[in-house]
C-alpha atoms as a PDB file:
ATOM      1  CA  UNK A   1      88.784  84.779  44.861  1.00  0.00           C
ATOM      2  CA  UNK A   2      89.967  87.951  46.551  1.00  0.00           C
ATOM      3  CA  UNK A   3      87.166  87.668  49.128  1.00  0.00           C
ATOM      4  CA  UNK A   4      88.021  84.013  49.766  1.00  0.00           C
ATOM      5  CA  UNK A   5      91.717  84.703  50.440  1.00  0.00           C
ATOM      6  CA  UNK A   6      90.845  87.715  52.575  1.00  0.00           C
ATOM      7  CA  UNK A   7      88.471  85.601  54.683  1.00  0.00           C
ATOM      8  CA  UNK A   8      91.080  82.825  54.977  1.00  0.00           C
ATOM      9  CA  UNK A   9      93.745  85.313  55.995  1.00  0.00           C
ATOM     10  CA  UNK A  10      91.535  86.746  58.739  1.00  0.00           C
ATOM     11  CA  UNK A  11      90.806  83.260  60.069  1.00  0.00           C
ATOM     12  CA  UNK A  12      94.460  82.311  60.490  1.00  0.00           C
ATOM     13  CA  UNK A  13      95.793  85.725  61.481  1.00  0.00           C
ATOM     14  CA  UNK A  14      96.810  85.846  65.145  1.00  0.00           C
ATOM     15  CA  UNK A  15      94.398  87.828  67.253  1.00  0.00           C
ATOM     16  CA  UNK A  16      95.939  90.189  69.798  1.00  0.00           C
ATOM     17  CA  UNK A  17      95.462  88.840  73.344  1.00  0.00           C
ATOM     18  CA  UNK A  18      94.903  90.850  76.523  1.00  0.00           C
ATOM     19  CA  UNK A  19      94.236  89.121  79.838  1.00  0.00           C
ATOM     20  CA  UNK A  20      92.164  90.920  82.490  1.00  0.00           C
ATOM     21  CA  UNK A  21      93.002  90.614  86.179  1.00  0.00           C
ATOM     22  CA  UNK A  22      90.242  91.915  88.451  1.00  0.00           C
ATOM     23  CA  UNK A  23      91.402  93.514  91.713  1.00  0.00           C
ATOM     24  CA  UNK A  24      88.210  94.303  93.568  1.00  0.00           C
ATOM     25  CA  UNK A  25      87.677  94.790  97.287  1.00  0.00           C
ATOM     26  CA  UNK A  26      89.499  95.840 100.431  1.00  0.00           C
ATOM     27  CA  UNK A  27      93.237  95.106 100.478  1.00  0.00           C
ATOM     28  CA  UNK A  28      94.425  92.864 103.309  1.00  0.00           C
ATOM     29  CA  UNK A  29      92.515  92.943 106.555  1.00  0.00           C
ATOM     30  CA  UNK A  30      91.132  89.450 106.073  1.00  0.00           C
ATOM     31  CA  UNK A  31      89.973  87.372 109.009  1.00  0.00           C
ATOM     32  CA  UNK A  32      88.831  83.811 109.488  1.00  0.00           C
ATOM     33  CA  UNK A  33      85.481  84.532 107.870  1.00  0.00           C
ATOM     34  CA  UNK A  34      86.465  86.986 105.120  1.00  0.00           C
ATOM     35  CA  UNK A  35      89.461  87.543 102.885  1.00  0.00           C
ATOM     36  CA  UNK A  36      90.658  90.774 101.366  1.00  0.00           C
ATOM     37  CA  UNK A  37      93.022  91.180  98.432  1.00  0.00           C
ATOM     38  CA  UNK A  38      96.304  89.640  99.570  1.00  0.00           C
ATOM     39  CA  UNK A  39      99.601  88.983  97.809  1.00  0.00           C
ATOM     40  CA  UNK A  40      99.685  85.283  98.682  1.00  0.00           C
ATOM     41  CA  UNK A  41      96.136  84.576  97.507  1.00  0.00           C
ATOM     42  CA  UNK A  42      96.607  86.573  94.284  1.00  0.00           C
ATOM     43  CA  UNK A  43      99.994  85.073  93.355  1.00  0.00           C
ATOM     44  CA  UNK A  44      98.493  82.277  91.233  1.00  0.00           C
ATOM     45  CA  UNK A  45      96.062  84.603  89.430  1.00  0.00           C
ATOM     46  CA  UNK A  46      98.798  87.116  88.623  1.00  0.00           C
ATOM     47  CA  UNK A  47     101.018  84.350  87.269  1.00  0.00           C
ATOM     48  CA  UNK A  48      98.174  83.069  85.082  1.00  0.00           C
ATOM     49  CA  UNK A  49      97.508  86.566  83.756  1.00  0.00           C
ATOM     50  CA  UNK A  50     101.085  86.754  82.434  1.00  0.00           C
ATOM     51  CA  UNK A  51     101.364  83.099  81.385  1.00  0.00           C
ATOM     52  CA  UNK A  52     100.097  83.050  77.727  1.00  0.00           C
ATOM     53  CA  UNK A  53     103.008  82.855  75.290  1.00  0.00           C
ATOM     54  CA  UNK A  54     101.583  85.324  72.788  1.00  0.00           C
ATOM     55  CA  UNK A  55     100.438  88.054  75.121  1.00  0.00           C
ATOM     56  CA  UNK A  56     100.038  91.677  74.054  1.00  0.00           C
ATOM     57  CA  UNK A  57      99.088  93.244  77.400  1.00  0.00           C
ATOM     58  CA  UNK A  58      97.621  92.667  80.844  1.00  0.00           C
ATOM     59  CA  UNK A  59      94.705  94.831  81.978  1.00  0.00           C
ATOM     60  CA  UNK A  60      93.961  95.473  85.654  1.00  0.00           C
ATOM     61  CA  UNK A  61      90.302  96.146  86.484  1.00  0.00           C
ATOM     62  CA  UNK A  62      90.603  97.968  89.807  1.00  0.00           C
ATOM     63  CA  UNK A  63      87.812  98.726  92.245  1.00  0.00           C
ATOM     64  CA  UNK A  64      89.299  99.151  95.706  1.00  0.00           C
ATOM     65  CA  UNK A  65      89.117 101.720  98.523  1.00  0.00           C
ATOM     66  CA  UNK A  66      92.511 100.598  99.830  1.00  0.00           C
ATOM     67  CA  UNK A  67      93.535  98.808 102.989  1.00  0.00           C
ATOM     68  CA  UNK A  68      96.892  97.406 104.048  1.00  0.00           C
ATOM     69  CA  UNK A  69      99.841  99.442 102.671  1.00  0.00           C
ATOM     70  CA  UNK A  70     102.161  96.437 102.911  1.00  0.00           C
ATOM     71  CA  UNK A  71      99.837  94.140 100.957  1.00  0.00           C
ATOM     72  CA  UNK A  72      99.191  96.896  98.399  1.00  0.00           C
ATOM     73  CA  UNK A  73     102.919  97.281  97.819  1.00  0.00           C
ATOM     74  CA  UNK A  74     103.529  93.521  97.658  1.00  0.00           C
ATOM     75  CA  UNK A  75     100.770  92.981  95.069  1.00  0.00           C
ATOM     76  CA  UNK A  76     101.910  95.931  92.964  1.00  0.00           C
ATOM     77  CA  UNK A  77     105.534  94.760  93.007  1.00  0.00           C
ATOM     78  CA  UNK A  78     104.531  91.213  92.030  1.00  0.00           C
ATOM     79  CA  UNK A  79     102.695  92.613  89.003  1.00  0.00           C
ATOM     80  CA  UNK A  80     105.704  94.775  88.040  1.00  0.00           C
ATOM     81  CA  UNK A  81     108.066  91.804  88.375  1.00  0.00           C
ATOM     82  CA  UNK A  82     105.974  89.690  86.000  1.00  0.00           C
ATOM     83  CA  UNK A  83     105.579  92.591  83.559  1.00  0.00           C
ATOM     84  CA  UNK A  84     109.338  93.128  83.435  1.00  0.00           C
ATOM     85  CA  UNK A  85     109.988  89.404  83.016  1.00  0.00           C
ATOM     86  CA  UNK A  86     107.519  89.043  80.143  1.00  0.00           C
ATOM     87  CA  UNK A  87     108.116  92.464  78.617  1.00  0.00           C
ATOM     88  CA  UNK A  88     104.407  93.217  78.199  1.00  0.00           C
ATOM     89  CA  UNK A  89     102.606  96.474  79.043  1.00  0.00           C
ATOM     90  CA  UNK A  90     100.142  96.700  81.919  1.00  0.00           C
ATOM     91  CA  UNK A  91      97.086  98.952  81.684  1.00  0.00           C
ATOM     92  CA  UNK A  92      94.990  99.784  84.757  1.00  0.00           C
ATOM     93  CA  UNK A  93      91.283 100.630  84.449  1.00  0.00           C
ATOM     94  CA  UNK A  94      89.768 102.273  87.523  1.00  0.00           C
ATOM     95  CA  UNK A  95      86.093 101.630  88.171  1.00  0.00           C
ATOM     96  CA  UNK A  96      84.210 103.145  91.153  1.00  0.00           C
ATOM     97  CA  UNK A  97      87.313 103.844  93.198  1.00  0.00           C
ATOM     98  CA  UNK A  98      91.071 103.346  93.092  1.00  0.00           C
ATOM     99  CA  UNK A  99      92.046 105.171  96.240  1.00  0.00           C
ATOM    100  CA  UNK A 100      94.790 104.838  98.830  1.00  0.00           C
ATOM    101  CA  UNK A 101      96.064 101.262  98.460  1.00  0.00           C
ATOM    102  CA  UNK A 102      93.759 100.890  95.458  1.00  0.00           C
ATOM    103  CA  UNK A 103      95.649 103.679  93.705  1.00  0.00           C
ATOM    104  CA  UNK A 104      98.896 102.003  94.746  1.00  0.00           C
ATOM    105  CA  UNK A 105      97.722  98.960  92.758  1.00  0.00           C
ATOM    106  CA  UNK A 106      96.996 101.201  89.774  1.00  0.00           C
ATOM    107  CA  UNK A 107     100.583 102.478  89.963  1.00  0.00           C
ATOM    108  CA  UNK A 108     101.725  98.959  89.034  1.00  0.00           C
ATOM    109  CA  UNK A 109     100.485  99.731  85.505  1.00  0.00           C
ATOM    110  CA  UNK A 110     102.276 101.541  82.689  1.00  0.00           C
ATOM    111  CA  UNK A 111      99.061 103.436  81.969  1.00  0.00           C
ATOM    112  CA  UNK A 112      96.116 104.362  84.195  1.00  0.00           C
ATOM    113  CA  UNK A 113      92.649 104.886  82.743  1.00  0.00           C
ATOM    114  CA  UNK A 114      89.582 106.062  84.617  1.00  0.00           C
ATOM    115  CA  UNK A 115      85.889 106.585  84.059  1.00  0.00           C
ATOM    116  CA  UNK A 116      84.712 110.193  84.415  1.00  0.00           C
ATOM    117  CA  UNK A 117      83.081 109.385  87.759  1.00  0.00           C
ATOM    118  CA  UNK A 118      85.910 107.223  89.088  1.00  0.00           C
ATOM    119  CA  UNK A 119      87.503 108.325  92.356  1.00  0.00           C
ATOM    120  CA  UNK A 120      91.313 108.250  92.391  1.00  0.00           C
ATOM    121  CA  UNK A 121      94.054 109.321  94.758  1.00  0.00           C
ATOM    122  CA  UNK A 122      93.824 109.462  98.553  1.00  0.00           C
ATOM    123  CA  UNK A 123      97.619 109.349  98.706  1.00  0.00           C
ATOM    124  CA  UNK A 124      97.880 109.387 102.473  1.00  0.00           C
ATOM    125  CA  UNK A 125      97.778 107.164 105.539  1.00  0.00           C
ATOM    126  CA  UNK A 126      94.981 106.764 108.065  1.00  0.00           C
ATOM    127  CA  UNK A 127      94.554 104.820 111.290  1.00  0.00           C
ATOM    128  CA  UNK A 128      91.226 104.495 113.066  1.00  0.00           C
ATOM    129  CA  UNK A 129      90.468 102.852 116.407  1.00  0.00           C
ATOM    130  CA  UNK A 130      88.334 103.162 119.529  1.00  0.00           C
ATOM    131  CA  UNK A 131      89.144 103.911 123.164  1.00  0.00           C
ATOM    132  CA  UNK A 132      87.193 102.125 125.906  1.00  0.00           C
ATOM    133  CA  UNK A 133      89.079 103.203 129.056  1.00  0.00           C
ATOM    134  CA  UNK A 134      86.245 105.367 130.449  1.00  0.00           C
ATOM    135  CA  UNK A 135      83.579 102.870 129.407  1.00  0.00           C
ATOM    136  CA  UNK A 136      85.086 100.017 131.393  1.00  0.00           C
ATOM    137  CA  UNK A 137      85.490 102.288 134.416  1.00  0.00           C
ATOM    138  CA  UNK A 138      81.774 103.102 134.312  1.00  0.00           C
ATOM    139  CA  UNK A 139      81.024  99.405 134.111  1.00  0.00           C
ATOM    140  CA  UNK A 140      83.190  98.730 137.154  1.00  0.00           C
ATOM    141  CA  UNK A 141      85.633  96.614 135.151  1.00  0.00           C
ATOM    142  CA  UNK A 142      89.255  96.529 136.294  1.00  0.00           C
ATOM    143  CA  UNK A 143      91.791  96.459 133.452  1.00  0.00           C
ATOM    144  CA  UNK A 144      94.740  94.152 134.192  1.00  0.00           C
ATOM    145  CA  UNK A 145      97.593  94.474 131.705  1.00  0.00           C
ATOM    146  CA  UNK A 146     101.035  93.000 132.230  1.00  0.00           C
ATOM    147  CA  UNK A 147     103.862  93.219 129.693  1.00  0.00           C
ATOM    148  CA  UNK A 148     107.569  92.547 129.319  1.00  0.00           C
ATOM    149  CA  UNK A 149     108.869  95.418 127.212  1.00  0.00           C
ATOM    150  CA  UNK A 150     107.932  99.083 127.583  1.00  0.00           C
ATOM    151  CA  UNK A 151     106.471  99.355 124.060  1.00  0.00           C
ATOM    152  CA  UNK A 152     104.496  96.124 124.087  1.00  0.00           C
ATOM    153  CA  UNK A 153     101.127  97.663 125.028  1.00  0.00           C
ATOM    154  CA  UNK A 154     101.146 100.705 122.762  1.00  0.00           C
ATOM    155  CA  UNK A 155      97.699 101.999 121.764  1.00  0.00           C
ATOM    156  CA  UNK A 156      95.884  99.549 124.013  1.00  0.00           C
ATOM    157  CA  UNK A 157      92.194 100.464 123.465  1.00  0.00           C
ATOM    158  CA  UNK A 158      91.294  99.780 127.111  1.00  0.00           C
ATOM    159  CA  UNK A 159      93.948 102.158 128.496  1.00  0.00           C
ATOM    160  CA  UNK A 160      94.098 105.983 128.263  1.00  0.00           C
ATOM    161  CA  UNK A 161      95.901 107.246 125.153  1.00  0.00           C
ATOM    162  CA  UNK A 162      99.497 108.248 125.928  1.00  0.00           C
ATOM    163  CA  UNK A 163     101.153 111.207 124.195  1.00  0.00           C
ATOM    164  CA  UNK A 164     104.247 109.138 123.423  1.00  0.00           C
ATOM    165  CA  UNK A 165     102.110 106.443 121.752  1.00  0.00           C
ATOM    166  CA  UNK A 166     100.358 109.078 119.648  1.00  0.00           C
ATOM    167  CA  UNK A 167     103.743 110.522 118.580  1.00  0.00           C
ATOM    168  CA  UNK A 168     105.031 107.036 117.727  1.00  0.00           C
ATOM    169  CA  UNK A 169     102.004 106.318 115.523  1.00  0.00           C
ATOM    170  CA  UNK A 170     102.303 109.679 113.785  1.00  0.00           C
ATOM    171  CA  UNK A 171     105.971 109.020 112.962  1.00  0.00           C
ATOM    172  CA  UNK A 172     105.071 105.584 111.607  1.00  0.00           C
ATOM    173  CA  UNK A 173     102.325 107.041 109.401  1.00  0.00           C
ATOM    174  CA  UNK A 174     104.627 109.773 108.094  1.00  0.00           C
ATOM    175  CA  UNK A 175     107.189 107.174 107.023  1.00  0.00           C
ATOM    176  CA  UNK A 176     104.565 105.066 105.233  1.00  0.00           C
ATOM    177  CA  UNK A 177     103.221 108.235 103.584  1.00  0.00           C
ATOM    178  CA  UNK A 178     106.727 109.093 102.357  1.00  0.00           C
ATOM    179  CA  UNK A 179     107.113 105.605 100.873  1.00  0.00           C
ATOM    180  CA  UNK A 180     103.716 105.949  99.158  1.00  0.00           C
ATOM    181  CA  UNK A 181     104.686 109.324  97.643  1.00  0.00           C
ATOM    182  CA  UNK A 182     107.982 107.917  96.369  1.00  0.00           C
ATOM    183  CA  UNK A 183     106.155 105.020  94.752  1.00  0.00           C
ATOM    184  CA  UNK A 184     103.696 107.335  92.983  1.00  0.00           C
ATOM    185  CA  UNK A 185     106.477 109.638  91.771  1.00  0.00           C
ATOM    186  CA  UNK A 186     108.480 106.672  90.464  1.00  0.00           C
ATOM    187  CA  UNK A 187     105.455 105.179  88.680  1.00  0.00           C
ATOM    188  CA  UNK A 188     104.105 108.398  87.177  1.00  0.00           C
ATOM    189  CA  UNK A 189     107.394 110.163  86.462  1.00  0.00           C
ATOM    190  CA  UNK A 190     107.182 113.442  84.558  1.00  0.00           C
ATOM    191  CA  UNK A 191     103.442 112.935  84.002  1.00  0.00           C
ATOM    192  CA  UNK A 192     102.974 114.533  87.430  1.00  0.00           C
ATOM    193  CA  UNK A 193     104.833 117.641  86.323  1.00  0.00           C
ATOM    194  CA  UNK A 194     108.063 119.094  87.659  1.00  0.00           C
ATOM    195  CA  UNK A 195     106.347 120.412  90.793  1.00  0.00           C
ATOM    196  CA  UNK A 196     103.205 118.416  91.590  1.00  0.00           C
ATOM    197  CA  UNK A 197     100.505 120.384  93.461  1.00  0.00           C
ATOM    198  CA  UNK A 198     100.541 119.764  97.211  1.00  0.00           C
ATOM    199  CA  UNK A 199      96.923 118.546  97.003  1.00  0.00           C
ATOM    200  CA  UNK A 200      98.049 115.425  95.142  1.00  0.00           C
ATOM    201  CA  UNK A 201      99.813 114.049  98.223  1.00  0.00           C
ATOM    202  CA  UNK A 202      97.436 115.482 100.849  1.00  0.00           C
ATOM    203  CA  UNK A 203      95.103 112.476 100.905  1.00  0.00           C
ATOM    204  CA  UNK A 204      92.632 114.289  98.638  1.00  0.00           C
ATOM    205  CA  UNK A 205      90.663 112.338  96.016  1.00  0.00           C
ATOM    206  CA  UNK A 206      89.895 113.351  92.432  1.00  0.00           C
ATOM    207  CA  UNK A 207      87.380 112.404  89.761  1.00  0.00           C
ATOM    208  CA  UNK A 208      88.606 110.926  86.488  1.00  0.00           C
ATOM    209  CA  UNK A 209      89.147 114.063  84.399  1.00  0.00           C
ATOM    210  CA  UNK A 210      90.804 115.949  87.277  1.00  0.00           C
ATOM    211  CA  UNK A 211      93.059 112.935  87.884  1.00  0.00           C
ATOM    212  CA  UNK A 212      94.133 113.081  84.227  1.00  0.00           C
ATOM    213  CA  UNK A 213      94.793 116.833  84.458  1.00  0.00           C
ATOM    214  CA  UNK A 214      96.973 116.313  87.548  1.00  0.00           C
ATOM    215  CA  UNK A 215      98.884 113.420  85.994  1.00  0.00           C
ATOM    216  CA  UNK A 216      97.479 110.728  88.274  1.00  0.00           C
ATOM    217  CA  UNK A 217      95.841 109.063  85.250  1.00  0.00           C
ATOM    218  CA  UNK A 218      96.555 108.979  81.521  1.00  0.00           C
ATOM    219  CA  UNK A 219      93.080 109.179  80.077  1.00  0.00           C
ATOM    220  CA  UNK A 220      89.350 108.817  80.511  1.00  0.00           C
ATOM    221  CA  UNK A 221      88.096 105.561  79.062  1.00  0.00           C
ATOM    222  CA  UNK A 222      86.624 102.140  79.705  1.00  0.00           C
ATOM    223  CA  UNK A 223      88.396  98.814  79.415  1.00  0.00           C
ATOM    224  CA  UNK A 224      86.906  97.275  76.267  1.00  0.00           C
ATOM    225  CA  UNK A 225      86.737 100.421  74.089  1.00  0.00           C
ATOM    226  CA  UNK A 226      90.322 101.386  74.995  1.00  0.00           C
ATOM    227  CA  UNK A 227      91.667  97.894  74.322  1.00  0.00           C
ATOM    228  CA  UNK A 228      89.830  97.651  70.993  1.00  0.00           C
ATOM    229  CA  UNK A 229      91.144 101.028  69.920  1.00  0.00           C
ATOM    230  CA  UNK A 230      94.675 100.067  70.997  1.00  0.00           C
ATOM    231  CA  UNK A 231      94.852  96.495  69.700  1.00  0.00           C
ATOM    232  CA  UNK A 232      92.104  96.361  67.081  1.00  0.00           C
ATOM    233  CA  UNK A 233      88.493  95.178  66.947  1.00  0.00           C
ATOM    234  CA  UNK A 234      89.564  91.518  66.872  1.00  0.00           C
ATOM    235  CA  UNK A 235      91.436  91.683  70.187  1.00  0.00           C
ATOM    236  CA  UNK A 236      90.750  88.749  72.511  1.00  0.00           C
ATOM    237  CA  UNK A 237      89.947  89.987  76.014  1.00  0.00           C
ATOM    238  CA  UNK A 238      90.227  87.072  78.433  1.00  0.00           C
ATOM    239  CA  UNK A 239      89.364  87.463  82.156  1.00  0.00           C
ATOM    240  CA  UNK A 240      91.577  85.529  84.542  1.00  0.00           C
ATOM    241  CA  UNK A 241      89.456  83.656  87.083  1.00  0.00           C
ATOM    242  CA  UNK A 242      90.104  81.172  89.828  1.00  0.00           C
ATOM    243  CA  UNK A 243      89.672  77.572  88.631  1.00  0.00           C
ATOM    244  CA  UNK A 244      87.063  75.531  90.462  1.00  0.00           C
ATOM    245  CA  UNK A 245      88.390  72.494  92.269  1.00  0.00           C
ATOM    246  CA  UNK A 246      87.706  69.019  90.876  1.00  0.00           C
ATOM    247  CA  UNK A 247      85.532  67.985  93.827  1.00  0.00           C
ATOM    248  CA  UNK A 248      83.538  71.197  93.552  1.00  0.00           C
ATOM    249  CA  UNK A 249      82.895  70.632  89.853  1.00  0.00           C
ATOM    250  CA  UNK A 250      81.929  66.957  90.261  1.00  0.00           C
ATOM    251  CA  UNK A 251      79.810  67.275  93.390  1.00  0.00           C
ATOM    252  CA  UNK A 252      76.050  67.068  92.717  1.00  0.00           C
ATOM    253  CA  UNK A 253      75.535  69.309  95.755  1.00  0.00           C
ATOM    254  CA  UNK A 254      77.858  72.142  94.607  1.00  0.00           C
ATOM    255  CA  UNK A 255      74.937  74.439  93.842  1.00  0.00           C
ATOM    256  CA  UNK A 256      72.707  73.396  96.706  1.00  0.00           C
ATOM    257  CA  UNK A 257      71.917  75.555  99.697  1.00  0.00           C
ATOM    258  CA  UNK A 258      74.149  74.837 102.713  1.00  0.00           C
ATOM    259  CA  UNK A 259      72.770  72.472 105.294  1.00  0.00           C
ATOM    260  CA  UNK A 260      71.852  73.644 108.778  1.00  0.00           C
ATOM    261  CA  UNK A 261      74.816  73.629 111.181  1.00  0.00           C
ATOM    262  CA  UNK A 262      75.383  70.631 113.402  1.00  0.00           C
ATOM    263  CA  UNK A 263      74.552  71.089 117.100  1.00  0.00           C
ATOM    264  CA  UNK A 264      78.274  70.878 117.948  1.00  0.00           C
ATOM    265  CA  UNK A 265      78.887  73.989 115.831  1.00  0.00           C
ATOM    266  CA  UNK A 266      76.127  76.050 117.444  1.00  0.00           C
ATOM    267  CA  UNK A 267      78.473  77.318 120.162  1.00  0.00           C
ATOM    268  CA  UNK A 268      80.644  78.960 117.504  1.00  0.00           C
ATOM    269  CA  UNK A 269      77.787  80.833 115.845  1.00  0.00           C
ATOM    270  CA  UNK A 270      77.975  83.837 118.159  1.00  0.00           C
ATOM    271  CA  UNK A 271      81.728  84.260 117.662  1.00  0.00           C
ATOM    272  CA  UNK A 272      81.482  83.806 113.895  1.00  0.00           C
ATOM    273  CA  UNK A 273      78.608  86.262 113.605  1.00  0.00           C
ATOM    274  CA  UNK A 274      80.341  88.880 115.738  1.00  0.00           C
ATOM    275  CA  UNK A 275      83.644  88.665 113.878  1.00  0.00           C
ATOM    276  CA  UNK A 276      81.950  88.676 110.481  1.00  0.00           C
ATOM    277  CA  UNK A 277      79.845  91.665 111.564  1.00  0.00           C
ATOM    278  CA  UNK A 278      82.892  93.642 112.694  1.00  0.00           C
ATOM    279  CA  UNK A 279      84.773  92.775 109.491  1.00  0.00           C
ATOM    280  CA  UNK A 280      81.782  93.884 107.429  1.00  0.00           C
ATOM    281  CA  UNK A 281      81.627  97.193 109.323  1.00  0.00           C
ATOM    282  CA  UNK A 282      85.332  97.811 108.701  1.00  0.00           C
ATOM    283  CA  UNK A 283      84.942  97.096 104.987  1.00  0.00           C
ATOM    284  CA  UNK A 284      81.850  99.296 104.834  1.00  0.00           C
ATOM    285  CA  UNK A 285      83.746 102.138 106.542  1.00  0.00           C
ATOM    286  CA  UNK A 286      86.501 102.010 103.921  1.00  0.00           C
ATOM    287  CA  UNK A 287      84.011 102.246 101.029  1.00  0.00           C
ATOM    288  CA  UNK A 288      81.858 104.909 102.720  1.00  0.00           C
ATOM    289  CA  UNK A 289      84.905 107.166 103.098  1.00  0.00           C
ATOM    290  CA  UNK A 290      84.506 107.845  99.372  1.00  0.00           C
ATOM    291  CA  UNK A 291      80.722 108.169  99.407  1.00  0.00           C
ATOM    292  CA  UNK A 292      80.153 104.604  98.165  1.00  0.00           C
END
């Protein structure tokens, strides 16, 4: 009878529940043909991750090279707000990379875990652009730019770079960098040590074990093993995914290949292809910065 009651007890005993919110991709920077991680589009998923009544923790599976500092901060703060409201811990698990804005997302967690080969950090600010002023002169193109407001045309890529514009951008980046550092210090607290090494805030990146040694992460480990060790072998690990719309689920053509574009749409193909190509290059550049 002992075995029977033990089996019955296990059946009706509440299993610990951890929801998993995946944050993968470039942050912000979305266009008409591609979307990055954005606060508005993630709001529903974050709410669903914290919605279960009997919730033991929320896990963040992070794989992001960064992107928009504003969107990174907004997403992280939304996660912290829900965590405080529900009173549940948040654990971040870094995959290939949690750098720049991606590390800012990790700072929304109470604990940060990384794989040995994960890349973390890049606590800095970068701005990249192109200048075409000499190119258009060679092509015999006349640049006509008219503004109301002396600062309206700052960093115009078709005009020569002005020293005052460069100084303005540098000051802006320094302020964002300061905000980023304050956020990391607030999130990590004394785990960074009384006097964190200068390299931590230099924009440098670190592999998992070095990140743990410097206080940027709490341990080396993967999502499922860590959660099972923390909450027991019977823990329920439930990914939070976007629900498919009713029409999408009922349509017999939902899995079919898309039809050829109508002739009226052909004129838009060049624009769509060009914009999608540029967006893809920008995303690729963010990942390649970390050798990925």
